C-alpha atoms as a PDB file:
ATOM      1  CA  MET A   1      58.320  -5.522  16.633  1.00  0.00           C
ATOM      2  CA  GLY A   2      59.692  -9.764  16.766  1.00  0.00           C
ATOM      3  CA  ASN A   3      56.795 -10.382  14.417  1.00  0.00           C
ATOM      4  CA  ARG A   4      55.173  -9.261  11.699  1.00  0.00           C
ATOM      5  CA  LYS A   5      51.394  -8.984  12.471  1.00  0.00           C
ATOM      6  CA  GLN A   6      50.801  -8.134   8.747  1.00  0.00           C
ATOM      7  CA  PRO A   7      53.006  -8.674   5.521  1.00  0.00           C
ATOM      8  CA  PHE A   8      55.763  -5.746   5.336  1.00  0.00           C
ATOM      9  CA  GLY A   9      53.897  -2.594   2.911  1.00  0.00           C
ATOM     10  CA  TYR A  10      50.882  -2.747   5.678  1.00  0.00           C
ATOM     11  CA  ARG A  11      49.589  -2.064   8.469  1.00  0.00           C
ATOM     12  CA  MET A  12      46.231  -2.295  10.290  1.00  0.00           C
ATOM     13  CA  THR A  13      44.426   0.647  10.997  1.00  0.00           C
ATOM     14  CA  LEU A  14      41.076   0.628  13.037  1.00  0.00           C
ATOM     15  CA  GLY A  15      40.484  -2.927  11.672  1.00  0.00           C
ATOM     16  CA  GLU A  16      40.710  -1.595   8.284  1.00  0.00           C
ATOM     17  CA  ILE A  17      44.156  -3.409   6.446  1.00  0.00           C
ATOM     18  CA  THR A  18      45.880   0.051   4.562  1.00  0.00           C
ATOM     19  CA  ILE A  19      48.835   0.414   3.007  1.00  0.00           C
ATOM     20  CA  GLN A  20      52.590   1.676   4.554  1.00  0.00           C
ATOM     21  CA  PRO A  21      53.106   3.901   1.766  1.00  0.00           C
ATOM     22  CA  GLU A  22      57.626   3.977   2.799  1.00  0.00           C
ATOM     23  CA  GLU A  23      57.524  -0.017   2.858  1.00  0.00           C
ATOM     24  CA  ALA A  24      55.152  -0.440   0.152  1.00  0.00           C
ATOM     25  CA  GLU A  25      57.508   1.674  -2.451  1.00  0.00           C
ATOM     26  CA  LEU A  26      60.408  -0.491  -1.075  1.00  0.00           C
ATOM     27  CA  VAL A  27      58.098  -3.837  -2.050  1.00  0.00           C
ATOM     28  CA  ARG A  28      57.708  -2.493  -5.608  1.00  0.00           C
ATOM     29  CA  PHE A  29      61.487  -1.548  -5.685  1.00  0.00           C
ATOM     30  CA  ILE A  30      62.344  -5.629  -4.907  1.00  0.00           C
ATOM     31  CA  PHE A  31      60.061  -6.253  -7.662  1.00  0.00           C
ATOM     32  CA  GLN A  32      61.141  -4.162 -10.210  1.00  0.00           C
ATOM     33  CA  SER A  33      64.487  -4.552  -8.988  1.00  0.00           C
ATOM     34  CA  TYR A  34      64.355  -8.509  -8.999  1.00  0.00           C
ATOM     35  CA  SER A  35      62.541  -9.031 -12.244  1.00  0.00           C
ATOM     36  CA  THR A  36      65.279  -6.639 -14.054  1.00  0.00           C
ATOM     37  CA  GLY A  37      67.930  -9.219 -12.677  1.00  0.00           C
ATOM     38  CA  ALA A  38      68.949  -8.283  -9.220  1.00  0.00           C
ATOM     39  CA  THR A  39      69.425 -11.461  -7.066  1.00  0.00           C
ATOM     40  CA  LEU A  40      68.546 -11.614  -3.248  1.00  0.00           C
ATOM     41  CA  GLY A  41      71.846 -11.023  -2.094  1.00  0.00           C
ATOM     42  CA  GLU A  42      71.937  -8.237  -3.729  1.00  0.00           C
ATOM     43  CA  LEU A  43      68.639  -6.527  -2.638  1.00  0.00           C
ATOM     44  CA  THR A  44      69.719  -7.485   0.676  1.00  0.00           C
ATOM     45  CA  LYS A  45      72.536  -5.823   0.653  1.00  0.00           C
ATOM     46  CA  THR A  46      71.083  -2.664  -0.714  1.00  0.00           C
ATOM     47  CA  LEU A  47      67.681  -2.611   1.785  1.00  0.00           C
ATOM     48  CA  CYS A  48      70.593  -2.840   4.542  1.00  0.00           C
ATOM     49  CA  ARG A  49      71.981   0.483   3.392  1.00  0.00           C
ATOM     50  CA  GLN A  50      68.815   2.012   3.940  1.00  0.00           C
ATOM     51  CA  GLU A  51      66.832   2.930   7.064  1.00  0.00           C
ATOM     52  CA  ILE A  52      63.478   1.214   7.232  1.00  0.00           C
ATOM     53  CA  PRO A  53      63.777  -2.474   8.349  1.00  0.00           C
ATOM     54  CA  TYR A  54      61.714  -5.727   8.126  1.00  0.00           C
ATOM     55  CA  TYR A  55      61.749  -6.274  11.835  1.00  0.00           C
ATOM     56  CA  GLU A  56      62.524  -2.913  13.861  1.00  0.00           C
ATOM     57  CA  GLY A  57      66.076  -3.626  15.505  1.00  0.00           C
ATOM     58  CA  ARG A  58      67.041  -6.553  12.985  1.00  0.00           C
ATOM     59  CA  SER A  59      68.637  -6.307   9.401  1.00  0.00           C
ATOM     60  CA  TRP A  60      67.648  -7.472   6.261  1.00  0.00           C
ATOM     61  CA  ASN A  61      68.447 -10.801   5.194  1.00  0.00           C
ATOM     62  CA  LYS A  62      67.843 -13.094   2.138  1.00  0.00           C
ATOM     63  CA  ASN A  63      64.745 -14.686   3.397  1.00  0.00           C
ATOM     64  CA  MET A  64      63.071 -11.807   4.191  1.00  0.00           C
ATOM     65  CA  VAL A  65      63.605 -11.048   0.579  1.00  0.00           C
ATOM     66  CA  SER A  66      61.815 -14.260  -0.370  1.00  0.00           C
ATOM     67  CA  ARG A  67      59.059 -14.118   1.895  1.00  0.00           C
ATOM     68  CA  ILE A  68      58.156 -10.808  -0.431  1.00  0.00           C
ATOM     69  CA  LEU A  69      58.656 -11.755  -3.729  1.00  0.00           C
ATOM     70  CA  GLU A  70      56.285 -15.113  -2.838  1.00  0.00           C
ATOM     71  CA  ASP A  71      53.459 -13.252  -1.318  1.00  0.00           C
ATOM     72  CA  GLY A  72      50.249 -13.368  -3.148  1.00  0.00           C
ATOM     73  CA  ARG A  73      48.656 -10.631  -1.412  1.00  0.00           C
ATOM     74  CA  TYR A  74      50.894  -7.842  -3.180  1.00  0.00           C
ATOM     75  CA  VAL A  75      48.455  -8.240  -5.875  1.00  0.00           C
ATOM     76  CA  GLY A  76      45.332  -7.674  -4.260  1.00  0.00           C
ATOM     77  CA  GLU A  77      44.578 -11.240  -2.743  1.00  0.00           C
ATOM     78  CA  LYS A  78      42.771 -11.808   0.450  1.00  0.00           C
ATOM     79  CA  GLY A  79      41.631  -8.636   0.972  1.00  0.00           C
ATOM     80  CA  TYR A  80      44.734  -7.067   0.768  1.00  0.00           C
ATOM     81  CA  PRO A  81      45.136  -3.796  -1.331  1.00  0.00           C
ATOM     82  CA  ALA A  82      47.202  -4.531  -4.281  1.00  0.00           C
ATOM     83  CA  LEU A  83      51.077  -3.080  -4.286  1.00  0.00           C
ATOM     84  CA  ILE A  84      51.676  -4.882  -7.746  1.00  0.00           C
ATOM     85  CA  GLU A  85      50.662  -5.870 -10.552  1.00  0.00           C
ATOM     86  CA  PRO A  86      49.891  -9.895 -11.183  1.00  0.00           C
ATOM     87  CA  GLU A  87      52.079 -10.096 -13.808  1.00  0.00           C
ATOM     88  CA  GLN A  88      55.080  -8.723 -11.218  1.00  0.00           C
ATOM     89  CA  LEU A  89      54.280 -11.481  -9.021  1.00  0.00           C
ATOM     90  CA  ARG A  90      54.340 -14.348 -12.108  1.00  0.00           C
ATOM     91  CA  VAL A  91      57.706 -12.870 -13.767  1.00  0.00           C
ATOM     92  CA  ALA A  92      59.263 -12.697  -9.523  1.00  0.00           C
ATOM     93  CA  ALA A  93      58.010 -16.423  -9.483  1.00  0.00           C
ATOM     94  CA  GLU A  94      59.325 -17.546 -13.165  1.00  0.00           C
ATOM     95  CA  LYS A  95      62.766 -16.056 -12.054  1.00  0.00           C
ATOM     96  CA  ARG A  96      63.036 -18.071  -9.221  1.00  0.00           C
ATOM     97  CA  THR A  97      62.177 -21.271 -10.162  1.00  0.00           C
ATOM     98  CA  ALA A  98      64.948 -20.769 -13.079  1.00  0.00           C
ATOM     99  CA  ARG A  99      67.854 -19.719 -10.408  1.00  0.00           C
ATOM    100  CA  ALA A 100      66.824 -22.745  -8.306  1.00  0.00           C
ATOM    101  CA  ARG A 101      66.990 -25.306 -10.989  1.00  0.00           C
ATOM    102  CA  PRO A 102      69.998 -26.505 -11.381  1.00  0.00           C
ATOM    103  CA  PRO A 103      71.563 -25.552 -14.861  1.00  0.00           C
ATOM    104  CA  GLN A 104      71.279 -28.021 -17.648  1.00  0.00           C
ATOM    105  CA  LYS A 105      74.108 -29.688 -19.184  1.00  0.00           C
ATOM    106  CA  THR A 106      74.290 -29.308 -23.055  1.00  0.00           C
ATOM    107  CA  PRO A 107      75.070 -32.020 -25.413  1.00  0.00           C
ATOM    108  CA  ALA A 108      78.969 -30.757 -25.678  1.00  0.00           C
ATOM    109  CA  GLN A 109      79.642 -30.922 -22.061  1.00  0.00           C
ATOM    110  CA  LYS A 110      77.956 -34.256 -21.827  1.00  0.00           C
ATOM    111  CA  ALA A 111      80.094 -35.700 -24.556  1.00  0.00           C
ATOM    112  CA  LEU A 112      83.318 -33.714 -22.979  1.00  0.00           C
ATOM    113  CA  ARG A 113      82.665 -35.319 -19.540  1.00  0.00           C
ATOM    114  CA  ARG A 114      82.360 -39.044 -20.749  1.00  0.00           C
ATOM    115  CA  LEU A 115      85.667 -38.478 -22.505  1.00  0.00           C
ATOM    116  CA  CYS A 116      87.661 -36.956 -19.123  1.00  0.00           C
ATOM    117  CA  GLY A 117      85.625 -39.662 -16.934  1.00  0.00           C
ATOM    118  CA  ALA A 118      84.567 -36.337 -14.709  1.00  0.00           C
ATOM    119  CA  PRO A 119      82.628 -33.158 -15.117  1.00  0.00           C
ATOM    120  CA  PRO A 120      84.948 -30.872 -17.090  1.00  0.00           C
ATOM    121  CA  SER A 121      85.496 -27.897 -15.585  1.00  0.00           C
ATOM    122  CA  GLU A 122      85.595 -24.653 -17.688  1.00  0.00           C
ATOM    123  CA  ARG A 123      88.451 -23.681 -17.515  1.00  0.00           C
ATOM    124  CA  VAL A 124      89.046 -27.364 -19.262  1.00  0.00           C
ATOM    125  CA  GLU A 125      86.112 -26.954 -21.806  1.00  0.00           C
ATOM    126  CA  LYS A 126      88.167 -23.730 -23.017  1.00  0.00           C
ATOM    127  CA  ILE A 127      91.319 -25.651 -23.601  1.00  0.00           C
ATOM    128  CA  VAL A 128      89.597 -27.955 -25.494  1.00  0.00           C
ATOM    129  CA  THR A 129      87.861 -25.952 -27.803  1.00  0.00           C
ATOM    130  CA  ASP A 130      91.691 -23.866 -28.457  1.00  0.00           C
ATOM    131  CA  LEU A 131      93.423 -27.345 -28.911  1.00  0.00           C
ATOM    132  CA  LEU A 132      90.737 -28.194 -31.552  1.00  0.00           C
ATOM    133  CA  ASN A 133      90.465 -24.499 -33.613  1.00  0.00           C
ATOM    134  CA  GLU A 134      94.213 -24.822 -33.484  1.00  0.00           C
ATOM    135  CA  LEU A 135      93.564 -27.980 -35.908  1.00  0.00           C
ATOM    136  CA  ILE A 136      90.609 -26.401 -37.451  1.00  0.00           C
ATOM    137  CA  ARG A 137      92.461 -23.405 -38.282  1.00  0.00           C
ATOM    138  CA  CYS A 138      95.269 -25.636 -40.385  1.00  0.00           C
ATOM    139  CA  PRO A 139      93.763 -29.070 -40.967  1.00  0.00           C
ATOM    140  CA  ASP A 140      97.783 -30.010 -42.155  1.00  0.00           C
ATOM    141  CA  ARG A 141      98.560 -30.518 -38.620  1.00  0.00           C
ATOM    142  CA  VAL A 142      96.662 -33.592 -37.763  1.00  0.00           C
ATOM    143  CA  ARG A 143      99.172 -36.002 -38.331  1.00  0.00           C
ATOM    144  CA  PRO A 144      99.315 -40.012 -37.960  1.00  0.00           C
ATOM    145  CA  SER A 145     100.575 -41.199 -34.475  1.00  0.00           C
ATOM    146  CA  THR A 146     101.716 -44.867 -35.935  1.00  0.00           C
ATOM    147  CA  SER A 147     104.378 -45.675 -33.370  1.00  0.00           C
ATOM    148  CA  GLN A 148     101.943 -44.737 -30.188  1.00  0.00           C
ATOM    149  CA  VAL A 149      99.125 -47.135 -32.584  1.00  0.00           C
ATOM    150  CA  VAL A 150     101.295 -49.925 -33.104  1.00  0.00           C
ATOM    151  CA  GLY A 151     102.869 -50.224 -29.863  1.00  0.00           C
ATOM    152  CA  ALA A 152      99.438 -50.240 -28.090  1.00  0.00           C
ATOM    153  CA  ALA A 153      98.067 -52.631 -30.355  1.00  0.00           C
ATOM    154  CA  CYS A 154     100.803 -55.357 -30.976  1.00  0.00           C
ATOM    155  CA  GLY A 155     101.789 -55.564 -27.661  1.00  0.00           C
ATOM    156  CA  LYS A 156     101.120 -58.408 -26.050  1.00  0.00           C
ATOM    157  CA  THR A 157     101.905 -60.232 -29.876  1.00  0.00           C
ATOM    158  CA  ARG A 158     105.691 -58.582 -29.389  1.00  0.00           C
ATOM    159  CA  GLU A 159     105.864 -60.169 -25.685  1.00  0.00           C
ATOM    160  CA  GLU A 160     104.583 -63.488 -26.857  1.00  0.00           C
ATOM    161  CA  LEU A 161     107.247 -63.306 -29.906  1.00  0.00           C
ATOM    162  CA  THR A 162     109.958 -62.300 -26.971  1.00  0.00           C
ATOM    163  CA  SER A 163     109.595 -64.657 -24.717  1.00  0.00           C
ATOM    164  CA  ALA A 164     109.078 -67.410 -27.657  1.00  0.00           C
ATOM    165  CA  LEU A 165     112.397 -66.464 -29.009  1.00  0.00           C
ATOM    166  CA  GLU A 166     114.071 -66.612 -25.971  1.00  0.00           C
ATOM    167  CA  ARG A 167     113.287 -70.402 -24.866  1.00  0.00           C
ATOM    168  CA  GLN A 168     116.045 -72.653 -26.204  1.00  0.00           C
ATOM    169  CA  PRO A 169     115.582 -74.570 -28.134  1.00  0.00           C
ATOM    170  CA  ILE A 170     113.397 -72.145 -30.212  1.00  0.00           C
ATOM    171  CA  ASP A 171     110.293 -73.210 -31.557  1.00  0.00           C
ATOM    172  CA  GLU A 172     110.558 -72.030 -35.441  1.00  0.00           C
ATOM    173  CA  ASP A 173     106.877 -72.366 -36.672  1.00  0.00           C
ATOM    174  CA  ASN A 174     105.539 -70.962 -33.631  1.00  0.00           C
ATOM    175  CA  ALA A 175     108.454 -68.276 -33.883  1.00  0.00           C
ATOM    176  CA  ARG A 176     107.322 -68.034 -37.318  1.00  0.00           C
ATOM    177  CA  ALA A 177     103.823 -67.608 -36.730  1.00  0.00           C
ATOM    178  CA  LEU A 178     104.194 -64.462 -34.498  1.00  0.00           C
ATOM    179  CA  LEU A 179     105.817 -63.556 -36.420  1.00  0.00           C
ATOM    180  CA  LEU A 180     103.240 -63.299 -39.399  1.00  0.00           C
ATOM    181  CA  GLN A 181     100.691 -62.985 -36.518  1.00  0.00           C
ATOM    182  CA  LEU A 182     102.347 -59.509 -35.518  1.00  0.00           C
ATOM    183  CA  ALA A 183     103.257 -58.113 -39.289  1.00  0.00           C
ATOM    184  CA  ALA A 184      99.610 -58.199 -39.800  1.00  0.00           C
ATOM    185  CA  GLU A 185      98.171 -56.850 -36.444  1.00  0.00           C
ATOM    186  CA  GLN A 186     100.855 -53.981 -37.868  1.00  0.00           C
ATOM    187  CA  TYR A 187      99.305 -53.408 -40.922  1.00  0.00           C
ATOM    188  CA  ASP A 188      96.160 -52.894 -39.464  1.00  0.00           C
ATOM    189  CA  ALA A 189      96.522 -50.733 -36.835  1.00  0.00           C
ATOM    190  CA  ILE A 190      98.943 -48.504 -39.776  1.00  0.00           C
ATOM    191  CA  GLY A 191      95.946 -48.552 -42.447  1.00  0.00           C
ATOM    192  CA  ASN A 192      93.739 -47.302 -39.510  1.00  0.00           C
ATOM    193  CA  THR A 193      96.029 -44.722 -38.190  1.00  0.00           C
ATOM    194  CA  GLU A 194      95.843 -43.065 -41.777  1.00  0.00           C
ATOM    195  CA  TYR A 195      92.782 -43.850 -43.104  1.00  0.00           C
ATOM    196  CA  GLU A 196      91.288 -41.730 -39.206  1.00  0.00           C
ATOM    197  CA  THR A 197      94.149 -38.931 -40.093  1.00  0.00           C
ATOM    198  CA  VAL A 198      92.932 -38.294 -43.863  1.00  0.00           C
ATOM    199  CA  ARG A 199      89.259 -38.412 -42.137  1.00  0.00           C
ATOM    200  CA  LEU A 200      89.822 -36.087 -39.320  1.00  0.00           C
ATOM    201  CA  ARG A 201      91.572 -33.662 -42.232  1.00  0.00           C
ATOM    202  CA  ARG A 202      88.485 -34.043 -44.116  1.00  0.00           C
ATOM    203  CA  LEU A 203      86.537 -33.198 -40.847  1.00  0.00           C
ATOM    204  CA  LEU A 204      88.545 -29.819 -39.897  1.00  0.00           C
ATOM    205  CA  THR A 205      89.088 -28.659 -43.204  1.00  0.00           C
ATOM    206  CA  GLY A 206      86.519 -25.490 -44.120  1.00  0.00           C
ATOM    207  CA  ARG A 207      84.942 -25.467 -40.193  1.00  0.00           C
ATOM    208  CA  LYS A 208      84.730 -21.937 -38.939  1.00  0.00           C
ATOM    209  CA  PRO A 209      86.856 -22.026 -35.025  1.00  0.00           C
ATOM    210  CA  MET A 210      84.168 -22.676 -32.411  1.00  0.00           C
ATOM    211  CA  THR A 211      83.266 -20.027 -29.640  1.00  0.00           C
ATOM    212  CA  GLU A 212      83.339 -23.394 -27.621  1.00  0.00           C
ATOM    213  CA  PRO A 213      82.943 -26.866 -27.676  1.00  0.00           C
ATOM    214  CA  GLU A 214      80.725 -28.832 -30.052  1.00  0.00           C
ATOM    215  CA  ALA A 215      79.045 -32.247 -29.764  1.00  0.00           C
ATOM    216  CA  GLU A 216      79.156 -33.507 -32.963  1.00  0.00           C
ATOM    217  CA  LEU A 217      83.291 -32.861 -33.622  1.00  0.00           C
ATOM    218  CA  LEU A 218      84.044 -34.082 -29.878  1.00  0.00           C
ATOM    219  CA  GLN A 219      82.077 -37.236 -30.925  1.00  0.00           C
ATOM    220  CA  SER A 220      83.781 -37.560 -34.408  1.00  0.00           C
ATOM    221  CA  ALA A 221      87.111 -36.555 -33.861  1.00  0.00           C
ATOM    222  CA  VAL A 222      88.196 -37.241 -29.984  1.00  0.00           C
ATOM    223  CA  SER A 223      88.919 -40.874 -28.127  1.00  0.00           C
ATOM    224  CA  GLU A 224      89.687 -39.059 -24.755  1.00  0.00           C
ATOM    225  CA  VAL A 225      90.817 -36.683 -22.697  1.00  0.00           C
ATOM    226  CA  ARG A 226      93.353 -36.529 -20.057  1.00  0.00           C
ATOM    227  CA  VAL A 227      93.201 -34.076 -17.127  1.00  0.00           C
ATOM    228  CA  THR A 228      96.199 -33.279 -15.078  1.00  0.00           C
ATOM    229  CA  SER A 229      96.669 -30.073 -12.397  1.00  0.00           C
ATOM    230  CA  ASN A 230      98.883 -28.575 -14.872  1.00  0.00           C
ATOM    231  CA  CYS A 231      98.124 -30.499 -18.296  1.00  0.00           C
ATOM    232  CA  VAL A 232      95.128 -31.132 -20.087  1.00  0.00           C
ATOM    233  CA  THR A 233      95.444 -33.305 -23.312  1.00  0.00           C
ATOM    234  CA  VAL A 234      93.376 -34.623 -26.310  1.00  0.00           C
ATOM    235  CA  THR A 235      93.953 -37.368 -27.355  1.00  0.00           C
ATOM    236  CA  LEU A 236      92.332 -37.926 -31.627  1.00  0.00           C
ATOM    237  CA  LYS A 237      90.787 -40.885 -33.118  1.00  0.00           C
ATOM    238  CA  ASN A 238      94.085 -41.253 -34.983  1.00  0.00           C
ATOM    239  CA  GLY A 239      95.692 -41.981 -31.700  1.00  0.00           C
ATOM    240  CA  GLN A 240      97.857 -38.282 -31.964  1.00  0.00           C
ATOM    241  CA  THR A 241      97.765 -36.278 -29.028  1.00  0.00           C
ATOM    242  CA  ILE A 242      97.823 -31.874 -28.312  1.00  0.00           C
ATOM    243  CA  GLU A 243      98.324 -30.884 -25.048  1.00  0.00           C
ATOM    244  CA  ARG A 244      98.108 -27.651 -23.486  1.00  0.00           C
ATOM    245  CA  ARG A 245      99.883 -27.234 -20.502  1.00  0.00           C
ATOM    246  CA  ASP A 246     100.254 -24.528 -17.782  1.00  0.00           C
ATOM    247  CA  GLN A 247     102.792 -21.786 -17.585  1.00  0.00           C
ATOM    248  CA  PRO A 248     104.944 -22.737 -14.764  1.00  0.00           C
END
């Protein structure tokens, strides 16, 4: 029949709603299997392999299974004989709600997204965890990356000094002032780098390796994560970079 006049598991006999035994067993099987972890897709495949149809001449699909799991009449509502316990219907409803709800991001995943500038994949999460664990196992591998930090911090002043020295005649007072400014900026950059290096080593010393990223460590130790198709690069707070490249 194309449309069911009664829910699957029941039939009308002499004006009375009665249980259809073979279908009723399938209803109980569906609720039991779903409550123990089976998905709608898995249940559909299993039901397609047996002989009892939901509609005559049609294969089972997820909508049919879902309709059964949502039907309160199976616990005895609206004059229908009960096929399952109310607890089974409640558990099924909770599981369906949980599966429909998108998974919540952990604080670490949110922190890693900010560092990456995009949602990180499981591959990126694992690589970042592995790279930080290498430093946790050996904190002395944290070293100042002075050249990179100083270069970034002092680039503008260095350009101004170069321009001043190229102009003839040279403005000695201006050049001298730029030299002093450049030296001060380099000193500040080196000092900050060394401080961050010591702080990071202390932060990592004594920690246990992680099984997944930890938000607190990401926020305290990492300033950026760059992701390309074949490389993940982690920039630490002291300017040092560590990376993992895919094997060619």
